[in-house]
Amino acid sequence: MNKASKHIQSGIGVTTSPTAVNAVGALSTQKNVINSIMSFLPDNRPITSLQIVEDYEKCPKNFTPVHRTYDQDADADLWRENNILFGRQTTRYLCLSKTEGLPEYVVETLK
């Protein structure tokens, strides 16, 4: 190892110019802008796993519950059951994931 690389590794003799600092700040700002734009774009990844739960608030980790309909903003219960006799209403909601499930498998058909 020569003296120059030893000084660079130890930090001795290394100076940062305002231009270098501005370039790092600009790169960081650019990454933040890209991240904010990506958060607005739709997630076009395929659905890889589905689960059905009774309470949409207890959806498993890394799953997204479908508890409201998109077109009418109504309850998205899969099993509309009016059980007035026993006083307990059974509900079923769909939870979907784009990260969980078997690798390289996607949901194609649901019957």
PDB file of N, CA and C in Angstrom:
ATOM      1  N   MET A   1       0.865  -1.166   0.000  1.00  0.00           N
ATOM      2  CA  MET A   1       0.000   0.000   0.000  1.00  0.00           C
ATOM      3  C   MET A   1       0.907   1.223   0.000  1.00  0.00           C
ATOM      4  N   ASN A   2       0.637   2.142  -0.890  1.00  0.00           N
ATOM      5  CA  ASN A   2       1.456   3.348  -0.947  1.00  0.00           C
ATOM      6  C   ASN A   2       0.915   4.413   0.010  1.00  0.00           C
ATOM      7  N   LYS A   3       1.678   5.492   0.176  1.00  0.00           N
ATOM      8  CA  LYS A   3       1.313   6.536   1.130  1.00  0.00           C
ATOM      9  C   LYS A   3      -0.016   7.201   0.788  1.00  0.00           C
ATOM     10  N   ALA A   4      -0.268   7.406  -0.495  1.00  0.00           N
ATOM     11  CA  ALA A   4      -1.496   8.110  -0.902  1.00  0.00           C
ATOM     12  C   ALA A   4      -2.735   7.317  -0.521  1.00  0.00           C
ATOM     13  N   SER A   5      -2.710   6.011  -0.783  1.00  0.00           N
ATOM     14  CA  SER A   5      -3.891   5.222  -0.435  1.00  0.00           C
ATOM     15  C   SER A   5      -4.043   5.091   1.066  1.00  0.00           C
ATOM     16  N   LYS A   6      -2.930   5.075   1.798  1.00  0.00           N
ATOM     17  CA  LYS A   6      -2.989   5.014   3.252  1.00  0.00           C
ATOM     18  C   LYS A   6      -3.635   6.278   3.814  1.00  0.00           C
ATOM     19  N   HIS A   7      -3.281   7.430   3.240  1.00  0.00           N
ATOM     20  CA  HIS A   7      -3.884   8.683   3.694  1.00  0.00           C
ATOM     21  C   HIS A   7      -5.366   8.740   3.353  1.00  0.00           C
ATOM     22  N   ILE A   8      -5.735   8.214   2.212  1.00  0.00           N
ATOM     23  CA  ILE A   8      -7.149   8.243   1.816  1.00  0.00           C
ATOM     24  C   ILE A   8      -7.960   7.337   2.736  1.00  0.00           C
ATOM     25  N   GLN A   9      -7.419   6.151   3.047  1.00  0.00           N
ATOM     26  CA  GLN A   9      -8.145   5.238   3.922  1.00  0.00           C
ATOM     27  C   GLN A   9      -8.286   5.800   5.329  1.00  0.00           C
ATOM     28  N   SER A  10      -7.249   6.463   5.817  1.00  0.00           N
ATOM     29  CA  SER A  10      -7.321   6.988   7.175  1.00  0.00           C
ATOM     30  C   SER A  10      -8.058   8.315   7.244  1.00  0.00           C
ATOM     31  N   GLY A  11      -8.282   8.936   6.097  1.00  0.00           N
ATOM     32  CA  GLY A  11      -8.990  10.198   6.069  1.00  0.00           C
ATOM     33  C   GLY A  11      -8.089  11.388   6.183  1.00  0.00           C
ATOM     34  N   ILE A  12      -6.785  11.177   6.310  1.00  0.00           N
ATOM     35  CA  ILE A  12      -5.835  12.278   6.426  1.00  0.00           C
ATOM     36  C   ILE A  12      -5.592  12.848   5.046  1.00  0.00           C
ATOM     37  N   GLY A  13      -5.653  14.139   4.934  1.00  0.00           N
ATOM     38  CA  GLY A  13      -5.360  14.786   3.668  1.00  0.00           C
ATOM     39  C   GLY A  13      -6.511  14.742   2.673  1.00  0.00           C
ATOM     40  N   VAL A  14      -7.657  14.227   3.072  1.00  0.00           N
ATOM     41  CA  VAL A  14      -8.807  14.188   2.169  1.00  0.00           C
ATOM     42  C   VAL A  14      -9.626  15.437   2.412  1.00  0.00           C
ATOM     43  N   THR A  15      -9.839  16.191   1.377  1.00  0.00           N
ATOM     44  CA  THR A  15     -10.663  17.389   1.493  1.00  0.00           C
ATOM     45  C   THR A  15     -11.858  17.234   0.575  1.00  0.00           C
ATOM     46  N   THR A  16     -12.939  17.824   0.990  1.00  0.00           N
ATOM     47  CA  THR A  16     -14.139  17.788   0.148  1.00  0.00           C
ATOM     48  C   THR A  16     -14.409  19.191  -0.327  1.00  0.00           C
ATOM     49  N   SER A  17     -14.658  19.290  -1.573  1.00  0.00           N
ATOM     50  CA  SER A  17     -14.960  20.594  -2.136  1.00  0.00           C
ATOM     51  C   SER A  17     -16.459  20.831  -2.068  1.00  0.00           C
ATOM     52  N   PRO A  18     -16.896  22.079  -2.103  1.00  0.00           N
ATOM     53  CA  PRO A  18     -18.334  22.355  -2.113  1.00  0.00           C
ATOM     54  C   PRO A  18     -19.029  21.716  -3.306  1.00  0.00           C
ATOM     55  N   THR A  19     -18.328  21.587  -4.419  1.00  0.00           N
ATOM     56  CA  THR A  19     -18.913  20.960  -5.601  1.00  0.00           C
ATOM     57  C   THR A  19     -19.219  19.493  -5.336  1.00  0.00           C
ATOM     58  N   ALA A  20     -18.299  18.792  -4.665  1.00  0.00           N
ATOM     59  CA  ALA A  20     -18.505  17.378  -4.349  1.00  0.00           C
ATOM     60  C   ALA A  20     -19.664  17.214  -3.373  1.00  0.00           C
ATOM     61  N   VAL A  21     -19.740  18.084  -2.376  1.00  0.00           N
ATOM     62  CA  VAL A  21     -20.832  18.015  -1.404  1.00  0.00           C
ATOM     63  C   VAL A  21     -22.159  18.300  -2.098  1.00  0.00           C
ATOM     64  N   ASN A  22     -22.209  19.281  -2.988  1.00  0.00           N
ATOM     65  CA  ASN A  22     -23.437  19.590  -3.721  1.00  0.00           C
ATOM     66  C   ASN A  22     -23.847  18.436  -4.618  1.00  0.00           C
ATOM     67  N   ALA A  23     -22.886  17.732  -5.211  1.00  0.00           N
ATOM     68  CA  ALA A  23     -23.201  16.593  -6.071  1.00  0.00           C
ATOM     69  C   ALA A  23     -23.838  15.470  -5.259  1.00  0.00           C
ATOM     70  N   VAL A  24     -23.340  15.225  -4.060  1.00  0.00           N
ATOM     71  CA  VAL A  24     -23.916  14.193  -3.193  1.00  0.00           C
ATOM     72  C   VAL A  24     -25.324  14.598  -2.766  1.00  0.00           C
ATOM     73  N   GLY A  25     -25.509  15.858  -2.411  1.00  0.00           N
ATOM     74  CA  GLY A  25     -26.836  16.347  -2.030  1.00  0.00           C
ATOM     75  C   GLY A  25     -27.817  16.278  -3.182  1.00  0.00           C
ATOM     76  N   ALA A  26     -27.353  16.592  -4.388  1.00  0.00           N
ATOM     77  CA  ALA A  26     -28.215  16.526  -5.564  1.00  0.00           C
ATOM     78  C   ALA A  26     -28.616  15.093  -5.859  1.00  0.00           C
ATOM     79  N   LEU A  27     -27.693  14.155  -5.681  1.00  0.00           N
ATOM     80  CA  LEU A  27     -27.989  12.745  -5.900  1.00  0.00           C
ATOM     81  C   LEU A  27     -29.031  12.266  -4.898  1.00  0.00           C
ATOM     82  N   SER A  28     -28.891  12.682  -3.654  1.00  0.00           N
ATOM     83  CA  SER A  28     -29.856  12.316  -2.627  1.00  0.00           C
ATOM     84  C   SER A  28     -31.232  12.895  -2.937  1.00  0.00           C
ATOM     85  N   THR A  29     -31.271  14.146  -3.384  1.00  0.00           N
ATOM     86  CA  THR A  29     -32.528  14.787  -3.749  1.00  0.00           C
ATOM     87  C   THR A  29     -33.164  14.079  -4.931  1.00  0.00           C
ATOM     88  N   GLN A  30     -32.345  13.683  -5.905  1.00  0.00           N
ATOM     89  CA  GLN A  30     -32.854  12.987  -7.079  1.00  0.00           C
ATOM     90  C   GLN A  30     -33.476  11.647  -6.681  1.00  0.00           C
ATOM     91  N   LYS A  31     -32.851  10.933  -5.747  1.00  0.00           N
ATOM     92  CA  LYS A  31     -33.410   9.665  -5.285  1.00  0.00           C
ATOM     93  C   LYS A  31     -34.737   9.885  -4.576  1.00  0.00           C
ATOM     94  N   ASN A  32     -34.841  10.955  -3.787  1.00  0.00           N
ATOM     95  CA  ASN A  32     -36.101  11.251  -3.105  1.00  0.00           C
ATOM     96  C   ASN A  32     -37.207  11.569  -4.100  1.00  0.00           C
ATOM     97  N   VAL A  33     -36.885  12.302  -5.157  1.00  0.00           N
ATOM     98  CA  VAL A  33     -37.874  12.636  -6.176  1.00  0.00           C
ATOM     99  C   VAL A  33     -38.337  11.373  -6.883  1.00  0.00           C
ATOM    100  N   ILE A  34     -37.408  10.495  -7.224  1.00  0.00           N
ATOM    101  CA  ILE A  34     -37.766   9.247  -7.898  1.00  0.00           C
ATOM    102  C   ILE A  34     -38.632   8.383  -6.989  1.00  0.00           C
ATOM    103  N   ASN A  35     -38.286   8.285  -5.715  1.00  0.00           N
ATOM    104  CA  ASN A  35     -39.091   7.497  -4.766  1.00  0.00           C
ATOM    105  C   ASN A  35     -40.496   8.059  -4.630  1.00  0.00           C
ATOM    106  N   SER A  36     -40.634   9.380  -4.598  1.00  0.00           N
ATOM    107  CA  SER A  36     -41.966   9.960  -4.466  1.00  0.00           C
ATOM    108  C   SER A  36     -42.791   9.744  -5.732  1.00  0.00           C
ATOM    109  N   ILE A  37     -42.153   9.797  -6.895  1.00  0.00           N
ATOM    110  CA  ILE A  37     -42.882   9.522  -8.145  1.00  0.00           C
ATOM    111  C   ILE A  37     -43.315   8.067  -8.184  1.00  0.00           C
ATOM    112  N   MET A  38     -42.436   7.150  -7.789  1.00  0.00           N
ATOM    113  CA  MET A  38     -42.764   5.726  -7.806  1.00  0.00           C
ATOM    114  C   MET A  38     -43.918   5.400  -6.856  1.00  0.00           C
ATOM    115  N   SER A  39     -44.059   6.155  -5.775  1.00  0.00           N
ATOM    116  CA  SER A  39     -45.148   5.885  -4.846  1.00  0.00           C
ATOM    117  C   SER A  39     -46.510   6.247  -5.436  1.00  0.00           C
ATOM    118  N   PHE A  40     -46.546   7.134  -6.439  1.00  0.00           N
ATOM    119  CA  PHE A  40     -47.805   7.500  -7.069  1.00  0.00           C
ATOM    120  C   PHE A  40     -48.194   6.568  -8.204  1.00  0.00           C
ATOM    121  N   LEU A  41     -47.236   5.864  -8.775  1.00  0.00           N
ATOM    122  CA  LEU A  41     -47.519   4.972  -9.891  1.00  0.00           C
ATOM    123  C   LEU A  41     -48.211   3.711  -9.393  1.00  0.00           C
ATOM    124  N   PRO A  42     -49.050   3.095 -10.227  1.00  0.00           N
ATOM    125  CA  PRO A  42     -49.716   1.861  -9.797  1.00  0.00           C
ATOM    126  C   PRO A  42     -48.718   0.711  -9.666  1.00  0.00           C
ATOM    127  N   ASP A  43     -49.035  -0.203  -8.790  1.00  0.00           N
ATOM    128  CA  ASP A  43     -48.193  -1.375  -8.574  1.00  0.00           C
ATOM    129  C   ASP A  43     -48.620  -2.443  -9.579  1.00  0.00           C
ATOM    130  N   ASN A  44     -47.852  -2.629 -10.626  1.00  0.00           N
ATOM    131  CA  ASN A  44     -48.219  -3.544 -11.698  1.00  0.00           C
ATOM    132  C   ASN A  44     -47.687  -4.950 -11.507  1.00  0.00           C
ATOM    133  N   ARG A  45     -47.149  -5.247 -10.327  1.00  0.00           N
ATOM    134  CA  ARG A  45     -46.697  -6.604 -10.088  1.00  0.00           C
ATOM    135  C   ARG A  45     -47.890  -7.547 -10.019  1.00  0.00           C
ATOM    136  N   PRO A  46     -47.715  -8.806 -10.411  1.00  0.00           N
ATOM    137  CA  PRO A  46     -48.851  -9.749 -10.365  1.00  0.00           C
ATOM    138  C   PRO A  46     -49.161 -10.180  -8.936  1.00  0.00           C
ATOM    139  N   ILE A  47     -50.383 -10.623  -8.726  1.00  0.00           N
ATOM    140  CA  ILE A  47     -50.799 -11.154  -7.429  1.00  0.00           C
ATOM    141  C   ILE A  47     -50.210 -12.553  -7.297  1.00  0.00           C
ATOM    142  N   THR A  48     -49.535 -12.802  -6.194  1.00  0.00           N
ATOM    143  CA  THR A  48     -48.867 -14.087  -5.998  1.00  0.00           C
ATOM    144  C   THR A  48     -49.497 -14.949  -4.911  1.00  0.00           C
ATOM    145  N   SER A  49     -50.373 -14.371  -4.094  1.00  0.00           N
ATOM    146  CA  SER A  49     -50.983 -15.147  -3.024  1.00  0.00           C
ATOM    147  C   SER A  49     -52.300 -14.507  -2.602  1.00  0.00           C
ATOM    148  N   LEU A  50     -53.271 -15.344  -2.241  1.00  0.00           N
ATOM    149  CA  LEU A  50     -54.577 -14.895  -1.761  1.00  0.00           C
ATOM    150  C   LEU A  50     -54.908 -15.591  -0.453  1.00  0.00           C
ATOM    151  N   GLN A  51     -55.604 -14.886   0.424  1.00  0.00           N
ATOM    152  CA  GLN A  51     -56.116 -15.477   1.652  1.00  0.00           C
ATOM    153  C   GLN A  51     -57.489 -14.885   1.932  1.00  0.00           C
ATOM    154  N   ILE A  52     -58.317 -15.650   2.616  1.00  0.00           N
ATOM    155  CA  ILE A  52     -59.635 -15.178   3.029  1.00  0.00           C
ATOM    156  C   ILE A  52     -59.647 -15.118   4.551  1.00  0.00           C
ATOM    157  N   VAL A  53     -60.088 -13.971   5.087  1.00  0.00           N
ATOM    158  CA  VAL A  53     -60.120 -13.773   6.536  1.00  0.00           C
ATOM    159  C   VAL A  53     -61.515 -13.310   6.953  1.00  0.00           C
ATOM    160  N   GLU A  54     -61.851 -13.514   8.224  1.00  0.00           N
ATOM    161  CA  GLU A  54     -63.134 -13.068   8.749  1.00  0.00           C
ATOM    162  C   GLU A  54     -63.136 -11.583   9.068  1.00  0.00           C
ATOM    163  N   ASP A  55     -62.004 -11.066   9.513  1.00  0.00           N
ATOM    164  CA  ASP A  55     -61.905  -9.662   9.892  1.00  0.00           C
ATOM    165  C   ASP A  55     -60.782  -9.029   9.068  1.00  0.00           C
ATOM    166  N   TYR A  56     -61.125  -8.053   8.236  1.00  0.00           N
ATOM    167  CA  TYR A  56     -60.120  -7.462   7.344  1.00  0.00           C
ATOM    168  C   TYR A  56     -59.006  -6.755   8.114  1.00  0.00           C
ATOM    169  N   GLU A  57     -59.251  -6.365   9.350  1.00  0.00           N
ATOM    170  CA  GLU A  57     -58.214  -5.728  10.154  1.00  0.00           C
ATOM    171  C   GLU A  57     -57.161  -6.725  10.633  1.00  0.00           C
ATOM    172  N   LYS A  58     -57.452  -8.008  10.533  1.00  0.00           N
ATOM    173  CA  LYS A  58     -56.504  -9.048  10.934  1.00  0.00           C
ATOM    174  C   LYS A  58     -55.873  -9.723   9.716  1.00  0.00           C
ATOM    175  N   CYS A  59     -55.732  -8.974   8.654  1.00  0.00           N
ATOM    176  CA  CYS A  59     -55.097  -9.464   7.440  1.00  0.00           C
ATOM    177  C   CYS A  59     -53.628  -9.772   7.737  1.00  0.00           C
ATOM    178  N   PRO A  60     -53.091 -10.887   7.224  1.00  0.00           N
ATOM    179  CA  PRO A  60     -51.687 -11.239   7.513  1.00  0.00           C
ATOM    180  C   PRO A  60     -50.704 -10.178   7.025  1.00  0.00           C
ATOM    181  N   LYS A  61     -49.510 -10.234   7.588  1.00  0.00           N
ATOM    182  CA  LYS A  61     -48.451  -9.302   7.216  1.00  0.00           C
ATOM    183  C   LYS A  61     -48.128  -9.470   5.725  1.00  0.00           C
ATOM    184  N   ASN A  62     -47.848  -8.371   5.048  1.00  0.00           N
ATOM    185  CA  ASN A  62     -47.533  -8.311   3.618  1.00  0.00           C
ATOM    186  C   ASN A  62     -48.724  -8.641   2.721  1.00  0.00           C
ATOM    187  N   PHE A  63     -49.927  -8.609   3.258  1.00  0.00           N
ATOM    188  CA  PHE A  63     -51.154  -8.790   2.490  1.00  0.00           C
ATOM    189  C   PHE A  63     -51.965  -7.507   2.572  1.00  0.00           C
ATOM    190  N   THR A  64     -52.712  -7.229   1.526  1.00  0.00           N
ATOM    191  CA  THR A  64     -53.566  -6.044   1.486  1.00  0.00           C
ATOM    192  C   THR A  64     -55.020  -6.495   1.500  1.00  0.00           C
ATOM    193  N   PRO A  65     -55.816  -6.032   2.466  1.00  0.00           N
ATOM    194  CA  PRO A  65     -57.218  -6.448   2.508  1.00  0.00           C
ATOM    195  C   PRO A  65     -58.054  -5.689   1.476  1.00  0.00           C
ATOM    196  N   VAL A  66     -59.009  -6.402   0.909  1.00  0.00           N
ATOM    197  CA  VAL A  66     -59.986  -5.772   0.019  1.00  0.00           C
ATOM    198  C   VAL A  66     -61.281  -5.721   0.818  1.00  0.00           C
ATOM    199  N   HIS A  67     -61.533  -4.576   1.465  1.00  0.00           N
ATOM    200  CA  HIS A  67     -62.710  -4.480   2.332  1.00  0.00           C
ATOM    201  C   HIS A  67     -63.730  -3.463   1.821  1.00  0.00           C
ATOM    202  N   ARG A  68     -63.391  -2.708   0.790  1.00  0.00           N
ATOM    203  CA  ARG A  68     -64.343  -1.777   0.171  1.00  0.00           C
ATOM    204  C   ARG A  68     -64.326  -2.011  -1.335  1.00  0.00           C
ATOM    205  N   THR A  69     -65.503  -1.938  -1.972  1.00  0.00           N
ATOM    206  CA  THR A  69     -65.559  -2.096  -3.422  1.00  0.00           C
ATOM    207  C   THR A  69     -65.069  -0.820  -4.086  1.00  0.00           C
ATOM    208  N   TYR A  70     -64.469  -0.973  -5.243  1.00  0.00           N
ATOM    209  CA  TYR A  70     -63.890   0.165  -5.957  1.00  0.00           C
ATOM    210  C   TYR A  70     -64.976   1.037  -6.594  1.00  0.00           C
ATOM    211  N   ASP A  71     -65.981   0.414  -7.181  1.00  0.00           N
ATOM    212  CA  ASP A  71     -66.971   1.177  -7.946  1.00  0.00           C
ATOM    213  C   ASP A  71     -68.056   1.827  -7.089  1.00  0.00           C
ATOM    214  N   GLN A  72     -68.487   1.164  -6.016  1.00  0.00           N
ATOM    215  CA  GLN A  72     -69.598   1.701  -5.223  1.00  0.00           C
ATOM    216  C   GLN A  72     -69.197   2.077  -3.794  1.00  0.00           C
ATOM    217  N   ASP A  73     -67.953   1.838  -3.422  1.00  0.00           N
ATOM    218  CA  ASP A  73     -67.461   2.104  -2.075  1.00  0.00           C
ATOM    219  C   ASP A  73     -68.359   1.456  -1.019  1.00  0.00           C
ATOM    220  N   ALA A  74     -68.741   0.211  -1.303  1.00  0.00           N
ATOM    221  CA  ALA A  74     -69.565  -0.553  -0.379  1.00  0.00           C
ATOM    222  C   ALA A  74     -68.708  -1.614   0.300  1.00  0.00           C
ATOM    223  N   ASP A  75     -69.266  -2.263   1.300  1.00  0.00           N
ATOM    224  CA  ASP A  75     -68.558  -3.334   1.993  1.00  0.00           C
ATOM    225  C   ASP A  75     -68.268  -4.472   1.015  1.00  0.00           C
ATOM    226  N   ALA A  76     -67.044  -4.981   1.004  1.00  0.00           N
ATOM    227  CA  ALA A  76     -66.638  -6.016   0.048  1.00  0.00           C
ATOM    228  C   ALA A  76     -66.688  -7.419   0.661  1.00  0.00           C
ATOM    229  N   ASP A  77     -67.612  -7.645   1.560  1.00  0.00           N
ATOM    230  CA  ASP A  77     -67.789  -8.959   2.170  1.00  0.00           C
ATOM    231  C   ASP A  77     -68.094  -9.980   1.075  1.00  0.00           C
ATOM    232  N   LEU A  78     -67.355 -11.081   1.074  1.00  0.00           N
ATOM    233  CA  LEU A  78     -67.555 -12.102   0.041  1.00  0.00           C
ATOM    234  C   LEU A  78     -68.789 -12.967   0.291  1.00  0.00           C
ATOM    235  N   TRP A  79     -69.261 -13.009   1.526  1.00  0.00           N
ATOM    236  CA  TRP A  79     -70.375 -13.879   1.877  1.00  0.00           C
ATOM    237  C   TRP A  79     -71.424 -13.055   2.607  1.00  0.00           C
ATOM    238  N   ARG A  80     -72.329 -12.507   1.852  1.00  0.00           N
ATOM    239  CA  ARG A  80     -73.396 -11.696   2.464  1.00  0.00           C
ATOM    240  C   ARG A  80     -74.402 -12.636   3.107  1.00  0.00           C
ATOM    241  N   GLU A  81     -74.345 -12.711   4.400  1.00  0.00           N
ATOM    242  CA  GLU A  81     -75.183 -13.645   5.143  1.00  0.00           C
ATOM    243  C   GLU A  81     -75.952 -12.870   6.203  1.00  0.00           C
ATOM    244  N   ASN A  82     -77.235 -12.939   6.162  1.00  0.00           N
ATOM    245  CA  ASN A  82     -78.064 -12.281   7.178  1.00  0.00           C
ATOM    246  C   ASN A  82     -78.483 -13.310   8.212  1.00  0.00           C
ATOM    247  N   ASN A  83     -77.710 -13.396   9.268  1.00  0.00           N
ATOM    248  CA  ASN A  83     -77.960 -14.357  10.324  1.00  0.00           C
ATOM    249  C   ASN A  83     -78.567 -13.619  11.520  1.00  0.00           C
ATOM    250  N   ILE A  84     -79.780 -13.170  11.362  1.00  0.00           N
ATOM    251  CA  ILE A  84     -80.448 -12.389  12.397  1.00  0.00           C
ATOM    252  C   ILE A  84     -80.867 -13.281  13.565  1.00  0.00           C
ATOM    253  N   LEU A  85     -81.104 -14.547  13.296  1.00  0.00           N
ATOM    254  CA  LEU A  85     -81.601 -15.467  14.310  1.00  0.00           C
ATOM    255  C   LEU A  85     -80.613 -15.637  15.466  1.00  0.00           C
ATOM    256  N   PHE A  86     -79.319 -15.761  15.181  1.00  0.00           N
ATOM    257  CA  PHE A  86     -78.330 -15.982  16.229  1.00  0.00           C
ATOM    258  C   PHE A  86     -77.587 -14.713  16.622  1.00  0.00           C
ATOM    259  N   GLY A  87     -77.764 -13.631  15.899  1.00  0.00           N
ATOM    260  CA  GLY A  87     -77.177 -12.358  16.258  1.00  0.00           C
ATOM    261  C   GLY A  87     -75.715 -12.171  15.874  1.00  0.00           C
ATOM    262  N   ARG A  88     -75.104 -13.166  15.266  1.00  0.00           N
ATOM    263  CA  ARG A  88     -73.698 -13.051  14.876  1.00  0.00           C
ATOM    264  C   ARG A  88     -73.612 -13.022  13.356  1.00  0.00           C
ATOM    265  N   GLN A  89     -72.968 -12.022  12.848  1.00  0.00           N
ATOM    266  CA  GLN A  89     -72.820 -11.891  11.408  1.00  0.00           C
ATOM    267  C   GLN A  89     -71.445 -12.416  10.993  1.00  0.00           C
ATOM    268  N   THR A  90     -71.428 -13.352  10.046  1.00  0.00           N
ATOM    269  CA  THR A  90     -70.179 -13.896   9.546  1.00  0.00           C
ATOM    270  C   THR A  90     -69.755 -13.094   8.325  1.00  0.00           C
ATOM    271  N   THR A  91     -68.508 -12.678   8.320  1.00  0.00           N
ATOM    272  CA  THR A  91     -67.985 -11.931   7.175  1.00  0.00           C
ATOM    273  C   THR A  91     -66.735 -12.627   6.659  1.00  0.00           C
ATOM    274  N   ARG A  92     -66.465 -12.440   5.381  1.00  0.00           N
ATOM    275  CA  ARG A  92     -65.260 -12.994   4.757  1.00  0.00           C
ATOM    276  C   ARG A  92     -64.710 -11.963   3.794  1.00  0.00           C
ATOM    277  N   TYR A  93     -63.429 -11.662   3.942  1.00  0.00           N
ATOM    278  CA  TYR A  93     -62.774 -10.678   3.091  1.00  0.00           C
ATOM    279  C   TYR A  93     -61.561 -11.294   2.415  1.00  0.00           C
ATOM    280  N   LEU A  94     -61.284 -10.817   1.235  1.00  0.00           N
ATOM    281  CA  LEU A  94     -60.146 -11.275   0.458  1.00  0.00           C
ATOM    282  C   LEU A  94     -58.923 -10.428   0.800  1.00  0.00           C
ATOM    283  N   CYS A  95     -57.793 -11.092   1.017  1.00  0.00           N
ATOM    284  CA  CYS A  95     -56.510 -10.415   1.222  1.00  0.00           C
ATOM    285  C   CYS A  95     -55.579 -10.878   0.112  1.00  0.00           C
ATOM    286  N   LEU A  96     -54.893  -9.934  -0.509  1.00  0.00           N
ATOM    287  CA  LEU A  96     -53.996 -10.302  -1.599  1.00  0.00           C
ATOM    288  C   LEU A  96     -52.591  -9.809  -1.329  1.00  0.00           C
ATOM    289  N   SER A  97     -51.627 -10.513  -1.916  1.00  0.00           N
ATOM    290  CA  SER A  97     -50.227 -10.147  -1.747  1.00  0.00           C
ATOM    291  C   SER A  97     -49.513 -10.232  -3.086  1.00  0.00           C
ATOM    292  N   LYS A  98     -48.575  -9.330  -3.273  1.00  0.00           N
ATOM    293  CA  LYS A  98     -47.744  -9.328  -4.472  1.00  0.00           C
ATOM    294  C   LYS A  98     -46.305  -9.685  -4.133  1.00  0.00           C
ATOM    295  N   THR A  99     -46.066 -10.059  -2.869  1.00  0.00           N
ATOM    296  CA  THR A  99     -44.719 -10.421  -2.442  1.00  0.00           C
ATOM    297  C   THR A  99     -44.665 -11.806  -1.811  1.00  0.00           C
ATOM    298  N   GLU A 100     -45.745 -12.285  -1.231  1.00  0.00           N
ATOM    299  CA  GLU A 100     -45.764 -13.583  -0.559  1.00  0.00           C
ATOM    300  C   GLU A 100     -46.153 -14.679  -1.552  1.00  0.00           C
ATOM    301  N   GLY A 101     -46.048 -15.905  -1.115  1.00  0.00           N
ATOM    302  CA  GLY A 101     -46.427 -17.035  -1.953  1.00  0.00           C
ATOM    303  C   GLY A 101     -45.211 -17.747  -2.514  1.00  0.00           C
ATOM    304  N   LEU A 102     -45.461 -18.704  -3.379  1.00  0.00           N
ATOM    305  CA  LEU A 102     -44.375 -19.474  -3.982  1.00  0.00           C
ATOM    306  C   LEU A 102     -43.612 -18.631  -4.992  1.00  0.00           C
ATOM    307  N   PRO A 103     -42.291 -18.756  -5.011  1.00  0.00           N
ATOM    308  CA  PRO A 103     -41.506 -17.979  -5.983  1.00  0.00           C
ATOM    309  C   PRO A 103     -41.861 -18.374  -7.412  1.00  0.00           C
ATOM    310  N   GLU A 104     -41.922 -17.408  -8.272  1.00  0.00           N
ATOM    311  CA  GLU A 104     -42.184 -17.590  -9.710  1.00  0.00           C
ATOM    312  C   GLU A 104     -43.604 -18.082 -10.011  1.00  0.00           C
ATOM    313  N   TYR A 105     -44.515 -18.058  -9.044  1.00  0.00           N
ATOM    314  CA  TYR A 105     -45.907 -18.427  -9.277  1.00  0.00           C
ATOM    315  C   TYR A 105     -46.777 -17.186  -9.133  1.00  0.00           C
ATOM    316  N   VAL A 106     -47.765 -17.062 -10.010  1.00  0.00           N
ATOM    317  CA  VAL A 106     -48.705 -15.942  -9.939  1.00  0.00           C
ATOM    318  C   VAL A 106     -50.115 -16.496 -10.022  1.00  0.00           C
ATOM    319  N   VAL A 107     -51.085 -15.759  -9.484  1.00  0.00           N
ATOM    320  CA  VAL A 107     -52.485 -16.138  -9.566  1.00  0.00           C
ATOM    321  C   VAL A 107     -52.989 -15.769 -10.952  1.00  0.00           C
ATOM    322  N   GLU A 108     -53.471 -16.767 -11.682  1.00  0.00           N
ATOM    323  CA  GLU A 108     -53.979 -16.526 -13.043  1.00  0.00           C
ATOM    324  C   GLU A 108     -55.488 -16.590 -13.104  1.00  0.00           C
ATOM    325  N   THR A 109     -56.078 -17.585 -12.440  1.00  0.00           N
ATOM    326  CA  THR A 109     -57.511 -17.803 -12.535  1.00  0.00           C
ATOM    327  C   THR A 109     -58.074 -18.035 -11.137  1.00  0.00           C
ATOM    328  N   LEU A 110     -59.222 -17.476 -10.891  1.00  0.00           N
ATOM    329  CA  LEU A 110     -59.913 -17.659  -9.611  1.00  0.00           C
ATOM    330  C   LEU A 110     -61.340 -18.053  -9.916  1.00  0.00           C
ATOM    331  N   LYS A 111     -61.770 -19.193  -9.404  1.00  0.00           N
ATOM    332  CA  LYS A 111     -63.134 -19.679  -9.673  1.00  0.00           C
ATOM    333  C   LYS A 111     -63.930 -19.730  -8.398  1.00  0.00           C
TER     334      LYS A 111
END
